[in-house]
C-alpha atoms as a PDB file:
ATOM      1  CA  MET A   1      25.229 -44.065 168.815  1.00  0.00           C
ATOM      2  CA  ARG A   2      22.560 -42.919 171.426  1.00  0.00           C
ATOM      3  CA  ILE A   3      24.791 -40.717 173.534  1.00  0.00           C
ATOM      4  CA  TRP A   4      25.835 -39.315 170.162  1.00  0.00           C
ATOM      5  CA  THR A   5      22.481 -38.680 169.146  1.00  0.00           C
ATOM      6  CA  ILE A   6      21.716 -36.988 172.316  1.00  0.00           C
ATOM      7  CA  LEU A   7      24.430 -34.966 172.164  1.00  0.00           C
ATOM      8  CA  SER A   8      23.876 -33.764 168.431  1.00  0.00           C
ATOM      9  CA  GLY A   9      20.222 -32.984 169.553  1.00  0.00           C
ATOM     10  CA  ILE A  10      21.465 -30.724 172.403  1.00  0.00           C
ATOM     11  CA  LEU A  11      24.138 -29.115 170.167  1.00  0.00           C
ATOM     12  CA  MET A  12      21.072 -28.121 167.936  1.00  0.00           C
ATOM     13  CA  VAL A  13      18.984 -26.772 170.572  1.00  0.00           C
ATOM     14  CA  LEU A  14      22.050 -24.663 171.674  1.00  0.00           C
ATOM     15  CA  THR A  15      22.398 -23.313 168.056  1.00  0.00           C
ATOM     16  CA  GLY A  16      18.697 -22.276 168.191  1.00  0.00           C
ATOM     17  CA  ALA A  17      19.186 -20.538 171.351  1.00  0.00           C
ATOM     18  CA  PHE A  18      22.192 -18.762 169.870  1.00  0.00           C
ATOM     19  CA  CYS A  19      20.103 -17.522 166.990  1.00  0.00           C
ATOM     20  CA  PHE A  20      17.369 -16.338 169.722  1.00  0.00           C
ATOM     21  CA  MET A  21      20.353 -14.223 171.362  1.00  0.00           C
ATOM     22  CA  ASN A  22      21.174 -12.649 168.279  1.00  0.00           C
ATOM     23  CA  PRO A  23      17.771 -11.598 166.651  1.00  0.00           C
ATOM     24  CA  GLY A  24      19.214  -8.874 164.572  1.00  0.00           C
ATOM     25  CA  GLN A  25      21.791 -11.079 162.797  1.00  0.00           C
ATOM     26  CA  THR A  26      21.160 -11.818 159.068  1.00  0.00           C
ATOM     27  CA  PHE A  27      21.173 -15.659 157.597  1.00  0.00           C
ATOM     28  CA  LEU A  28      24.561 -15.079 155.988  1.00  0.00           C
ATOM     29  CA  SER A  29      26.122 -14.124 159.531  1.00  0.00           C
ATOM     30  CA  LEU A  30      24.725 -17.354 161.028  1.00  0.00           C
ATOM     31  CA  ALA A  31      24.860 -19.710 158.111  1.00  0.00           C
ATOM     32  CA  PHE A  32      28.481 -21.336 158.833  1.00  0.00           C
ATOM     33  CA  ILE A  33      27.142 -22.263 162.412  1.00  0.00           C
ATOM     34  CA  VAL A  34      23.664 -23.462 161.306  1.00  0.00           C
ATOM     35  CA  GLY A  35      25.165 -25.332 158.382  1.00  0.00           C
ATOM     36  CA  LEU A  36      27.811 -27.211 160.071  1.00  0.00           C
ATOM     37  CA  VAL A  37      25.442 -28.218 162.932  1.00  0.00           C
ATOM     38  CA  MET A  38      23.221 -29.653 160.597  1.00  0.00           C
ATOM     39  CA  VAL A  39      25.928 -31.530 158.541  1.00  0.00           C
ATOM     40  CA  LEU A  40      27.204 -33.280 161.849  1.00  0.00           C
ATOM     41  CA  ASN A  41      23.604 -34.039 162.720  1.00  0.00           C
ATOM     42  CA  GLY A  42      22.843 -35.585 159.175  1.00  0.00           C
ATOM     43  CA  LEU A  43      26.328 -37.687 159.535  1.00  0.00           C
ATOM     44  CA  ILE A  44      25.470 -38.842 162.880  1.00  0.00           C
ATOM     45  CA  HIS A  45      21.644 -39.754 162.228  1.00  0.00           C
ATOM     46  CA  ALA A  46      23.034 -41.786 159.173  1.00  0.00           C
ATOM     47  CA  LEU A  47      25.579 -43.861 161.388  1.00  0.00           C
ATOM     48  CA  ALA A  48      22.749 -44.339 163.959  1.00  0.00           C
ATOM     49  CA  TYR A  49      20.705 -45.825 161.310  1.00  0.00           C
ATOM     50  CA  PHE A  50      23.567 -48.165 159.676  1.00  0.00           C
ATOM     51  CA  ILE A  51      25.350 -49.087 163.118  1.00  0.00           C
ATOM     52  CA  GLY A  52      22.492 -49.395 165.499  1.00  0.00           C
ATOM     53  CA  ARG A  53      19.661 -50.141 163.022  1.00  0.00           C
ATOM     54  CA  GLY A  54      20.698 -50.937 159.553  1.00  0.00           C
ATOM     55  CA  LEU A  55      23.425 -53.661 160.297  1.00  0.00           C
ATOM     56  CA  TYR A  56      22.036 -55.333 163.401  1.00  0.00           C
ATOM     57  CA  ASN A  57      18.198 -54.895 163.006  1.00  0.00           C
ATOM     58  CA  LYS A  58      17.477 -55.545 159.355  1.00  0.00           C
ATOM     59  CA  GLY A  59      13.698 -55.783 160.310  1.00  0.00           C
ATOM     60  CA  ASP A  60      13.436 -52.518 161.866  1.00  0.00           C
ATOM     61  CA  ASN A  61      10.904 -50.502 159.807  1.00  0.00           C
ATOM     62  CA  ASN A  62      12.040 -47.009 161.193  1.00  0.00           C
ATOM     63  CA  GLY A  63      14.087 -46.121 157.715  1.00  0.00           C
ATOM     64  CA  TRP A  64      12.810 -42.580 158.291  1.00  0.00           C
ATOM     65  CA  ILE A  65      15.854 -42.008 160.316  1.00  0.00           C
ATOM     66  CA  LEU A  66      17.953 -42.494 157.124  1.00  0.00           C
ATOM     67  CA  THR A  67      15.606 -40.184 155.335  1.00  0.00           C
ATOM     68  CA  ASP A  68      15.721 -37.450 157.678  1.00  0.00           C
ATOM     69  CA  ALA A  69      19.387 -37.564 157.891  1.00  0.00           C
ATOM     70  CA  LEU A  70      19.885 -37.182 154.292  1.00  0.00           C
ATOM     71  CA  ILE A  71      17.522 -34.269 154.038  1.00  0.00           C
ATOM     72  CA  THR A  72      19.328 -32.691 156.922  1.00  0.00           C
ATOM     73  CA  LEU A  73      22.813 -33.408 155.555  1.00  0.00           C
ATOM     74  CA  LEU A  74      21.783 -32.047 152.110  1.00  0.00           C
ATOM     75  CA  LEU A  75      20.362 -28.890 153.475  1.00  0.00           C
ATOM     76  CA  GLY A  76      23.024 -28.128 155.753  1.00  0.00           C
ATOM     77  CA  ILE A  77      25.571 -28.586 152.464  1.00  0.00           C
ATOM     78  CA  LEU A  78      23.470 -26.110 150.636  1.00  0.00           C
ATOM     79  CA  VAL A  79      23.733 -23.733 153.661  1.00  0.00           C
ATOM     80  CA  LEU A  80      27.622 -24.028 154.034  1.00  0.00           C
ATOM     81  CA  CYS A  81      28.000 -23.656 150.240  1.00  0.00           C
ATOM     82  CA  ASN A  82      26.007 -20.175 150.407  1.00  0.00           C
ATOM     83  CA  GLN A  83      23.241 -21.547 148.145  1.00  0.00           C
ATOM     84  CA  LEU A  84      20.627 -19.943 150.285  1.00  0.00           C
ATOM     85  CA  VAL A  85      21.330 -16.361 150.472  1.00  0.00           C
ATOM     86  CA  ALA A  86      17.892 -14.538 150.400  1.00  0.00           C
ATOM     87  CA  ASP A  87      16.640 -14.227 153.877  1.00  0.00           C
ATOM     88  CA  THR A  88      12.954 -14.572 152.295  1.00  0.00           C
ATOM     89  CA  ALA A  89      13.601 -17.993 151.124  1.00  0.00           C
ATOM     90  CA  ILE A  90      14.521 -19.123 154.661  1.00  0.00           C
ATOM     91  CA  PRO A  91      10.806 -19.642 156.251  1.00  0.00           C
ATOM     92  CA  MET A  92       9.758 -21.683 153.043  1.00  0.00           C
ATOM     93  CA  VAL A  93      12.918 -23.924 152.962  1.00  0.00           C
ATOM     94  CA  PHE A  94      13.333 -24.550 156.393  1.00  0.00           C
ATOM     95  CA  GLY A  95       9.720 -24.902 156.929  1.00  0.00           C
ATOM     96  CA  MET A  96       9.737 -27.611 154.211  1.00  0.00           C
ATOM     97  CA  TRP A  97      12.269 -29.339 156.040  1.00  0.00           C
ATOM     98  CA  MET A  98      10.457 -29.346 159.483  1.00  0.00           C
ATOM     99  CA  LEU A  99       7.243 -30.413 157.729  1.00  0.00           C
ATOM    100  CA  VAL A 100       8.894 -33.459 156.083  1.00  0.00           C
ATOM    101  CA  SER A 101      10.638 -34.193 159.456  1.00  0.00           C
ATOM    102  CA  GLY A 102       7.425 -34.117 161.461  1.00  0.00           C
ATOM    103  CA  ILE A 103       5.487 -36.210 158.729  1.00  0.00           C
ATOM    104  CA  LEU A 104       8.191 -38.807 158.984  1.00  0.00           C
ATOM    105  CA  ARG A 105       8.032 -38.970 162.913  1.00  0.00           C
ATOM    106  CA  VAL A 106       4.305 -39.341 162.550  1.00  0.00           C
ATOM    107  CA  GLU A 107       4.875 -41.967 160.139  1.00  0.00           C
ATOM    108  CA  ALA A 108       7.489 -43.668 162.517  1.00  0.00           C
ATOM    109  CA  ALA A 109       5.112 -43.424 165.395  1.00  0.00           C
ATOM    110  CA  THR A 110       2.715 -45.645 163.808  1.00  0.00           C
ATOM    111  CA  HIS A 111       4.963 -48.543 163.905  1.00  0.00           C
ATOM    112  CA  ILE A 112       5.611 -48.552 167.778  1.00  0.00           C
ATOM    113  CA  ASN A 113       4.048 -50.963 169.911  1.00  0.00           C
ATOM    114  CA  LYS A 114       1.428 -48.968 171.672  1.00  0.00           C
ATOM    115  CA  GLU A 115       0.677 -51.385 174.199  1.00  0.00           C
ATOM    116  CA  LYS A 116       4.547 -52.342 175.268  1.00  0.00           C
ATOM    117  CA  LYS A 117       5.711 -48.758 174.500  1.00  0.00           C
ATOM    118  CA  ARG A 118       3.086 -46.333 175.328  1.00  0.00           C
ATOM    119  CA  SER A 119       5.151 -43.459 176.537  1.00  0.00           C
ATOM    120  CA  ASN A 120       7.532 -43.700 173.291  1.00  0.00           C
ATOM    121  CA  PHE A 121       4.466 -43.830 171.145  1.00  0.00           C
ATOM    122  CA  ARG A 122       2.611 -40.640 172.782  1.00  0.00           C
ATOM    123  CA  VAL A 123       5.953 -38.691 172.672  1.00  0.00           C
ATOM    124  CA  THR A 124       6.895 -39.584 169.206  1.00  0.00           C
ATOM    125  CA  MET A 125       3.404 -38.906 168.022  1.00  0.00           C
ATOM    126  CA  ALA A 126       3.241 -35.702 169.720  1.00  0.00           C
ATOM    127  CA  THR A 127       6.728 -34.193 168.879  1.00  0.00           C
ATOM    128  CA  GLY A 128       5.839 -35.319 165.218  1.00  0.00           C
ATOM    129  CA  VAL A 129       2.541 -33.408 165.126  1.00  0.00           C
ATOM    130  CA  LEU A 130       4.063 -30.105 166.672  1.00  0.00           C
ATOM    131  CA  THR A 131       7.057 -30.183 164.272  1.00  0.00           C
ATOM    132  CA  VAL A 132       4.352 -30.223 161.316  1.00  0.00           C
ATOM    133  CA  LEU A 133       2.775 -27.499 162.728  1.00  0.00           C
ATOM    134  CA  VAL A 134       5.948 -25.369 163.336  1.00  0.00           C
ATOM    135  CA  GLY A 135       7.062 -26.379 159.624  1.00  0.00           C
ATOM    136  CA  ILE A 136       3.462 -24.900 158.224  1.00  0.00           C
ATOM    137  CA  PHE A 137       4.053 -21.653 160.506  1.00  0.00           C
ATOM    138  CA  GLY A 138       6.965 -21.237 158.176  1.00  0.00           C
ATOM    139  CA  PHE A 139       4.444 -20.878 155.087  1.00  0.00           C
ATOM    140  CA  ILE A 140       2.091 -18.597 156.848  1.00  0.00           C
ATOM    141  CA  ASN A 141       3.553 -15.105 155.572  1.00  0.00           C
ATOM    142  CA  PRO A 142       1.445 -12.786 157.585  1.00  0.00           C
ATOM    143  CA  LEU A 143       2.748 -14.513 160.713  1.00  0.00           C
ATOM    144  CA  VAL A 144       6.404 -14.727 159.639  1.00  0.00           C
ATOM    145  CA  MET A 145       6.630 -11.222 158.355  1.00  0.00           C
ATOM    146  CA  TRP A 146       6.796  -9.715 162.043  1.00  0.00           C
ATOM    147  CA  MET A 147       9.593 -12.231 162.921  1.00  0.00           C
ATOM    148  CA  THR A 148      13.457 -11.807 162.039  1.00  0.00           C
ATOM    149  CA  THR A 149      15.009 -14.452 160.031  1.00  0.00           C
ATOM    150  CA  ALA A 150      17.459 -15.371 163.169  1.00  0.00           C
ATOM    151  CA  VAL A 151      14.329 -15.827 165.313  1.00  0.00           C
ATOM    152  CA  LEU A 152      12.397 -18.105 162.934  1.00  0.00           C
ATOM    153  CA  LEU A 153      15.543 -20.111 162.366  1.00  0.00           C
ATOM    154  CA  GLY A 154      16.048 -20.534 166.185  1.00  0.00           C
ATOM    155  CA  MET A 155      12.679 -21.645 166.691  1.00  0.00           C
ATOM    156  CA  PHE A 156      13.306 -24.385 163.757  1.00  0.00           C
ATOM    157  CA  MET A 157      16.280 -25.475 165.330  1.00  0.00           C
ATOM    158  CA  VAL A 158      15.269 -25.906 168.878  1.00  0.00           C
ATOM    159  CA  MET A 159      12.134 -28.010 167.542  1.00  0.00           C
ATOM    160  CA  GLN A 160      14.523 -30.182 165.573  1.00  0.00           C
ATOM    161  CA  GLY A 161      16.908 -30.290 168.350  1.00  0.00           C
ATOM    162  CA  VAL A 162      13.806 -31.830 170.505  1.00  0.00           C
ATOM    163  CA  ASN A 163      13.086 -34.270 168.189  1.00  0.00           C
ATOM    164  CA  ILE A 164      16.697 -35.525 168.040  1.00  0.00           C
ATOM    165  CA  ILE A 165      17.003 -35.682 171.920  1.00  0.00           C
ATOM    166  CA  GLU A 166      13.638 -37.591 171.989  1.00  0.00           C
ATOM    167  CA  LEU A 167      14.761 -40.091 169.353  1.00  0.00           C
ATOM    168  CA  GLY A 168      18.261 -40.607 171.278  1.00  0.00           C
ATOM    169  CA  ILE A 169      16.260 -41.219 174.184  1.00  0.00           C
ATOM    170  CA  HIS A 170      14.079 -44.085 172.900  1.00  0.00           C
ATOM    171  CA  MET A 171      16.666 -45.356 170.210  1.00  0.00           C
ATOM    172  CA  PRO A 172      16.946 -49.055 170.469  1.00  0.00           C
ATOM    173  CA  HIS A 173      20.462 -50.316 170.974  1.00  0.00           C
ATOM    174  CA  GLU A 174      22.016 -53.594 170.597  1.00  0.00           C
ATOM    175  CA  LYS A 175      22.800 -55.082 174.127  1.00  0.00           C
ATOM    176  CA  LYS A 176      26.289 -56.815 174.105  1.00  0.00           C
ATOM    177  CA  SER A 177      26.004 -60.143 175.563  1.00  0.00           C
ATOM    178  CA  TYR A 178      28.870 -61.112 177.969  1.00  0.00           C
ATOM    179  CA  VAL A 179      29.826 -64.729 179.143  1.00  0.00           C
ATOM    180  CA  LYS A 180      30.372 -64.806 182.599  1.00  0.00           C
ATOM    181  CA  ILE A 181      32.823 -67.616 183.640  1.00  0.00           C
ATOM    182  CA  TYR A 182      32.296 -68.767 187.326  1.00  0.00           C
ATOM    183  CA  LYS A 183      35.241 -70.464 189.166  1.00  0.00           C
ATOM    184  CA  ARG A 184      34.197 -73.680 190.608  1.00  0.00           C
ATOM    185  CA  LYS A 185      34.537 -73.015 194.287  1.00  0.00           C
ATOM    186  CA  ARG A 186      36.129 -75.905 196.334  1.00  0.00           C
ATOM    187  CA  GLU A 187      34.239 -76.415 199.569  1.00  0.00           C
ATOM    188  CA  PRO A 188      36.083 -78.012 202.417  1.00  0.00           C
ATOM    189  CA  ILE A 189      35.141 -81.800 203.269  1.00  0.00           C
ATOM    190  CA  LYS A 190      33.246 -82.167 206.090  1.00  0.00           C
ATOM    191  CA  ILE A 191      33.926 -84.834 208.681  1.00  0.00           C
ATOM    192  CA  THR A 192      30.842 -85.921 210.471  1.00  0.00           C
ATOM    193  CA  ASP A 193      30.808 -88.172 213.828  1.00  0.00           C
ATOM    194  CA  GLU A 194      29.545 -91.060 211.451  1.00  0.00           C
ATOM    195  CA  ASP A 195      33.001 -90.936 209.489  1.00  0.00           C
ATOM    196  CA  GLU A 196      35.071 -90.772 212.894  1.00  0.00           C
ATOM    197  CA  THR A 197      33.825 -94.403 213.703  1.00  0.00           C
ATOM    198  CA  PRO A 198      37.018 -96.986 214.904  1.00  0.00           C
ATOM    199  CA  GLU A 199      35.887 -99.226 211.781  1.00  0.00           C
ATOM    200  CA  LYS A 200      36.106 -96.284 209.388  1.00  0.00           C
ATOM    201  CA  VAL A 201      39.600 -94.688 210.834  1.00  0.00           C
ATOM    202  CA  THR A 202      41.124 -98.414 210.636  1.00  0.00           C
ATOM    203  CA  GLU A 203      39.842 -98.660 206.794  1.00  0.00           C
ATOM    204  CA  ARG A 204      41.300 -95.053 206.317  1.00  0.00           C
ATOM    205  CA  LEU A 205      44.691 -96.138 207.813  1.00  0.00           C
ATOM    206  CA  LYS A 206      44.661 -99.391 205.665  1.00  0.00           C
ATOM    207  CA  MET A 207      43.883 -97.598 202.432  1.00  0.00           C
ATOM    208  CA  ARG A 208      46.848 -95.019 203.105  1.00  0.00           C
ATOM    209  CA  GLU A 209      49.373 -97.890 203.941  1.00  0.00           C
ATOM    210  CA  ALA A 210      48.467 -99.510 200.877  1.00  0.00           C
ATOM    211  CA  ALA A 211      48.849 -96.491 198.865  1.00  0.00           C
ATOM    212  CA  GLU A 212      52.291 -95.698 200.399  1.00  0.00           C
ATOM    213  CA  SER A 213      53.534 -99.197 199.910  1.00  0.00           C
ATOM    214  CA  GLU A 214      52.547 -99.157 196.225  1.00  0.00           C
ATOM    215  CA  THR A 215      54.530 -95.899 196.113  1.00  0.00           C
ATOM    216  CA  ASP A 216      57.692 -97.418 197.780  1.00  0.00           C
ATOM    217  CA  GLY A 217      57.395-100.674 195.905  1.00  0.00           C
ATOM    218  CA  GLY A 218      57.298 -98.663 192.642  1.00  0.00           C
ATOM    219  CA  SER A 219      60.233 -96.648 193.534  1.00  0.00           C
ATOM    220  CA  GLY A 220      62.051 -99.557 194.664  1.00  0.00           C
ATOM    221  CA  GLU A 221      61.514-101.435 191.257  1.00  0.00           C
ATOM    222  CA  ALA A 222      62.851 -97.950 189.711  1.00  0.00           C
ATOM    223  CA  ARG A 223      66.001 -98.046 191.653  1.00  0.00           C
ATOM    224  CA  THR A 224      66.795-101.685 191.119  1.00  0.00           C
ATOM    225  CA  ASP A 225      66.519-101.008 187.238  1.00  0.00           C
ATOM    226  CA  GLU A 226      68.954 -98.333 187.686  1.00  0.00           C
ATOM    227  CA  LYS A 227      71.255-100.539 189.570  1.00  0.00           C
ATOM    228  CA  ILE A 228      71.142-102.971 186.792  1.00  0.00           C
END
């Protein structure tokens, strides 16, 4: 699920870039694309938790992934169902989404081992704090008024996409254990000079003759039995 998570983050970043390239569009004209991407991200996050963490890593304390996934999924469904029709409600609703997501990321950073995963801790904490600031920005009316809904929505989507990409990069995953079967190589027997003494050669010849005589004797008995 790591690759799918990173791809979903890239998709959200591209959706934000699409909003930036269409600053004059209303929210209703962008609602289908935004809602669809949010639903896909919510589903991928939920699967990432249950498959990568929930089933195989019961002791993992990063349950915020599931919480963030459910919030994203529900908000995406609301957008697809045209429940958010007023452009004035977009900064508040999506700002709240970003604020909660940022708080959850900061909370998740506190569970990361600072000594073993120092870079992971710093990046997660930094993106969490930045996401919180972007979410608070949606509640500041004087600053939001001079921005169009599409540009503000694009900023939210890009920031969330960066969070998802960072999540996918540092996401722990189950390593499959493969059992390697090695074939035993038969090395040729090396005969040294010590083994080529006359006594050793004579002994080997006697053992070979004894083995052949036993074989011939067994076959002779078998032939006798057949004649009888």
